[in-house]
Amino acid sequence: MAVPEVIEPHGFLHRPASDSGTGVVLAHGAGSNANAPLLVTLAEALAEAGYLALRMNLPFRRARANGPPFPAAAAADRAGILAAGQQLRELGCGRIVLAGHSYGGRQSAMLAAENREAGDALVLLSYPLHPPRKPQQLRTAHFPELRTPAVFVHGTRDPFGSIGEMKDALRLIPSGARLVEVAGAGHDLKNREIAIIVLRELADLLT
């Protein structure tokens, strides 16, 4: 496995041996960073499959090593995701996939709803539909504006949203979105098949 390159200011770039022309931006969750095991696993698998993968540190994490993001600064995190995708385009990627875990996925989806040119597809891992035990606080206001092809990969034991709740929420997306259930997985998506699942779904999205 090739050592990833540091790419300023965003994070770590995994180059494929044979380039497919597609770049994937991987954004981490609220309590994590670019070195999250899930992101490292996916970046390595993506590079092996021919994708240029960038696992990025969101702006809030670059500003401080610990602590959650501030809601008032979320627009800056979306701007960071947009800039990361643009950097991959400058490296020759003809298509950009915005992928993210939890908070990173939510901000990627919000960015795509705001700017349909930001990415060509979305891969949203453990989308935080609502805070645990607060199902009334849905994070779906932007769903009716989503037009980007999207797949949601969600564990059946995720406290941030049940499979039934996710199915109901995805009906708000007018262009449609695919929900992939990961049996027995929680919000961290610890599953040895997760990379296989993501690669399969990504291939379907881009065909």
Protein backbone atom coordinates (compact mmCIF):
# COMPACT_ATOMS: atom_id res chain seq x y z
CA MET A 1 0.00 0.00 0.00
CA ALA A 2 1.44 3.35 -1.06
CA VAL A 3 2.01 5.98 1.60
CA PRO A 4 -0.58 8.77 1.24
CA GLU A 5 0.62 12.24 0.34
CA VAL A 6 -0.01 15.22 2.59
CA ILE A 7 -2.02 17.71 0.57
CA GLU A 8 -2.37 21.18 2.05
CA PRO A 9 -4.58 22.36 3.55
CA HIS A 10 -6.97 19.46 3.35
CA GLY A 11 -5.39 16.22 4.52
CA PHE A 12 -4.09 13.03 2.94
CA LEU A 13 -4.20 12.00 -0.71
CA HIS A 14 -4.26 8.34 -1.78
CA ARG A 15 -3.26 7.94 -5.42
CA PRO A 16 -4.34 4.87 -7.41
CA ALA A 17 -1.92 2.86 -9.48
CA SER A 18 -4.36 3.11 -12.38
CA ASP A 19 -6.48 6.25 -12.38
CA SER A 20 -10.21 6.00 -13.18
CA GLY A 21 -10.58 9.76 -13.50
CA THR A 22 -12.84 9.94 -10.44
CA GLY A 23 -11.91 11.62 -7.18
CA VAL A 24 -13.51 10.95 -3.80
CA VAL A 25 -13.52 13.45 -0.93
CA LEU A 26 -13.83 11.68 2.45
CA ALA A 27 -15.03 13.89 5.31
CA HIS A 28 -14.99 12.74 8.94
CA GLY A 29 -17.53 12.91 11.73
CA ALA A 30 -17.96 15.54 14.45
CA GLY A 31 -15.76 13.80 16.99
CA SER A 32 -13.06 12.59 14.64
CA ASN A 33 -10.50 13.66 12.04
CA ALA A 34 -8.94 12.54 8.77
CA ASN A 35 -7.21 9.63 10.53
CA ALA A 36 -10.48 7.97 11.51
CA PRO A 37 -10.09 4.21 10.91
CA LEU A 38 -13.19 4.14 8.70
CA LEU A 39 -11.78 6.85 6.44
CA VAL A 40 -8.36 5.21 6.25
CA THR A 41 -9.93 1.85 5.35
CA LEU A 42 -12.09 3.40 2.66
CA ALA A 43 -9.33 5.59 1.21
CA GLU A 44 -7.03 2.60 0.81
CA ALA A 45 -9.77 0.49 -0.79
CA LEU A 46 -10.77 3.32 -3.11
CA ALA A 47 -7.20 3.85 -4.27
CA GLU A 48 -6.80 0.14 -4.95
CA ALA A 49 -9.96 0.31 -7.06
CA GLY A 50 -8.66 3.21 -9.16
CA TYR A 51 -10.12 6.24 -7.39
CA LEU A 52 -8.13 9.26 -6.24
CA ALA A 53 -9.15 9.51 -2.58
CA LEU A 54 -8.68 12.50 -0.32
CA ARG A 55 -9.42 12.01 3.38
CA MET A 56 -9.71 15.52 4.64
CA ASN A 57 -9.64 17.37 7.92
CA LEU A 58 -12.66 19.63 7.99
CA PRO A 59 -11.96 23.30 8.78
CA PHE A 60 -13.32 23.01 12.33
CA ARG A 61 -10.81 20.24 13.01
CA ARG A 62 -7.95 22.17 11.47
CA ALA A 63 -8.84 25.02 13.81
CA ARG A 64 -8.58 22.85 16.93
CA ALA A 65 -7.52 19.29 17.63
CA ASN A 66 -10.44 18.35 19.84
CA GLY A 67 -14.06 19.21 20.40
CA PRO A 68 -17.18 19.21 18.24
CA PRO A 69 -17.96 21.64 15.44
CA PHE A 70 -19.86 24.82 16.15
CA PRO A 71 -23.19 25.01 14.27
CA ALA A 72 -22.58 28.66 13.42
CA ALA A 73 -19.39 27.68 11.57
CA ALA A 74 -20.85 24.80 9.56
CA ALA A 75 -20.82 26.88 6.37
CA ALA A 76 -17.03 27.02 6.64
CA ASP A 77 -16.91 23.23 6.77
CA ARG A 78 -19.02 23.04 3.62
CA ALA A 79 -16.69 25.52 1.96
CA GLY A 80 -13.79 23.26 2.92
CA ILE A 81 -15.46 20.25 1.30
CA LEU A 82 -16.10 22.29 -1.85
CA ALA A 83 -12.46 23.41 -1.96
CA ALA A 84 -11.25 19.83 -1.53
CA GLY A 85 -13.36 18.71 -4.47
CA GLN A 86 -12.07 21.58 -6.57
CA GLN A 87 -8.52 20.58 -5.73
CA LEU A 88 -9.21 17.06 -6.97
CA ARG A 89 -10.60 18.52 -10.19
CA GLU A 90 -7.38 20.49 -10.59
CA LEU A 91 -5.51 17.19 -10.24
CA GLY A 92 -7.37 15.91 -13.27
CA CYS A 93 -10.49 14.26 -11.87
CA GLY A 94 -13.40 14.50 -14.27
CA ARG A 95 -15.91 13.34 -11.67
CA ILE A 96 -16.07 14.13 -7.96
CA VAL A 97 -17.79 12.06 -5.29
CA LEU A 98 -18.51 13.70 -1.96
CA ALA A 99 -18.42 11.07 0.77
CA GLY A 100 -18.61 11.54 4.49
CA HIS A 101 -19.27 9.86 7.80
CA SER A 102 -21.97 11.31 10.06
CA TYR A 103 -21.35 15.08 10.33
CA GLY A 104 -19.07 14.98 7.29
CA GLY A 105 -21.81 13.30 5.28
CA ARG A 106 -24.43 15.74 6.47
CA GLN A 107 -22.33 18.73 5.43
CA SER A 108 -21.57 17.08 2.09
CA ALA A 109 -25.29 16.59 1.45
CA MET A 110 -26.07 20.17 2.47
CA LEU A 111 -23.35 21.41 0.13
CA ALA A 112 -24.78 19.38 -2.74
CA ALA A 113 -28.24 20.82 -2.03
CA GLU A 114 -26.79 24.35 -2.11
CA ASN A 115 -24.52 23.82 -5.10
CA ARG A 116 -25.37 21.11 -7.60
CA GLU A 117 -21.98 21.51 -9.27
CA ALA A 118 -20.09 20.60 -6.08
CA GLY A 119 -20.07 16.87 -6.77
CA ASP A 120 -21.35 14.25 -9.16
CA ALA A 121 -22.45 11.75 -6.51
CA LEU A 122 -22.86 11.42 -2.75
CA VAL A 123 -21.90 8.52 -0.48
CA LEU A 124 -23.32 9.23 2.98
CA LEU A 125 -22.17 6.95 5.78
CA SER A 126 -24.22 6.82 8.99
CA TYR A 127 -26.18 9.95 8.14
CA PRO A 128 -27.07 11.59 11.50
CA LEU A 129 -30.80 11.85 10.87
CA HIS A 130 -31.45 13.09 14.40
CA PRO A 131 -29.62 13.20 17.73
CA PRO A 132 -29.91 9.94 19.72
CA ARG A 133 -33.27 9.70 21.53
CA LYS A 134 -34.49 12.93 19.88
CA PRO A 135 -36.33 11.74 16.77
CA GLN A 136 -38.27 14.99 16.52
CA GLN A 137 -35.08 16.93 15.68
CA LEU A 138 -34.78 15.81 12.09
CA ARG A 139 -31.89 17.03 9.93
CA THR A 140 -33.70 16.87 6.63
CA ALA A 141 -34.50 20.48 5.74
CA HIS A 142 -32.19 20.31 2.71
CA PHE A 143 -33.43 16.94 1.40
CA PRO A 144 -36.07 18.42 -0.97
CA GLU A 145 -33.29 20.36 -2.71
CA LEU A 146 -31.04 17.35 -3.33
CA ARG A 147 -30.65 16.39 -6.98
CA THR A 148 -27.24 14.69 -6.80
CA PRO A 149 -27.29 10.86 -7.07
CA ALA A 150 -26.87 9.56 -3.54
CA VAL A 151 -26.47 6.38 -1.56
CA PHE A 152 -26.93 6.24 2.21
CA VAL A 153 -25.05 3.44 4.00
CA HIS A 154 -26.60 2.91 7.42
CA GLY A 155 -26.23 0.42 10.26
CA THR A 156 -29.30 -1.32 11.57
CA ARG A 157 -28.28 -0.41 15.14
CA ASP A 158 -27.50 3.25 14.54
CA PRO A 159 -29.01 5.42 17.33
CA PHE A 160 -28.95 8.48 15.06
CA GLY A 161 -31.78 7.02 12.99
CA SER A 162 -33.49 3.69 12.53
CA ILE A 163 -33.81 2.04 9.14
CA GLY A 164 -37.53 2.84 9.15
CA GLU A 165 -36.84 6.49 9.93
CA MET A 166 -34.24 6.65 7.19
CA LYS A 167 -36.65 5.18 4.63
CA ASP A 168 -39.26 7.78 5.53
CA ALA A 169 -36.73 10.62 5.36
CA LEU A 170 -35.34 9.59 1.98
CA ARG A 171 -38.80 9.99 0.46
CA LEU A 172 -38.20 13.73 0.79
CA ILE A 173 -35.44 13.57 -1.83
CA PRO A 174 -37.17 14.18 -5.19
CA SER A 175 -34.46 12.58 -7.30
CA GLY A 176 -34.50 9.44 -5.16
CA ALA A 177 -31.72 7.94 -3.08
CA ARG A 178 -30.62 4.42 -2.30
CA LEU A 179 -30.47 3.13 1.28
CA VAL A 180 -28.06 0.29 2.02
CA GLU A 181 -28.53 -1.46 5.35
CA VAL A 182 -25.49 -2.84 7.19
CA ALA A 183 -26.79 -5.56 9.47
CA GLY A 184 -25.75 -5.27 13.11
CA ALA A 185 -23.64 -2.13 12.60
CA GLY A 186 -23.86 0.93 14.82
CA HIS A 187 -23.02 4.52 14.03
CA ASP A 188 -19.30 3.75 13.67
CA LEU A 189 -20.05 1.26 10.86
CA LYS A 190 -17.52 -1.24 12.15
CA ASN A 191 -18.01 -4.00 9.64
CA ARG A 192 -15.32 -5.85 7.75
CA GLU A 193 -17.42 -5.67 4.58
CA ILE A 194 -17.88 -1.90 4.62
CA ALA A 195 -15.26 -1.17 1.97
CA ILE A 196 -16.77 -3.79 -0.34
CA ILE A 197 -20.22 -2.30 0.20
CA VAL A 198 -19.06 1.24 -0.56
CA LEU A 199 -17.11 0.23 -3.67
CA ARG A 200 -20.08 -1.70 -5.03
CA GLU A 201 -22.52 1.14 -4.41
CA LEU A 202 -20.14 3.74 -5.80
CA ALA A 203 -19.73 1.76 -9.01
CA ASP A 204 -23.52 1.64 -9.36
CA LEU A 205 -23.83 5.38 -8.73
CA LEU A 206 -21.33 6.26 -11.43
CA THR A 207 -22.65 4.00 -14.19
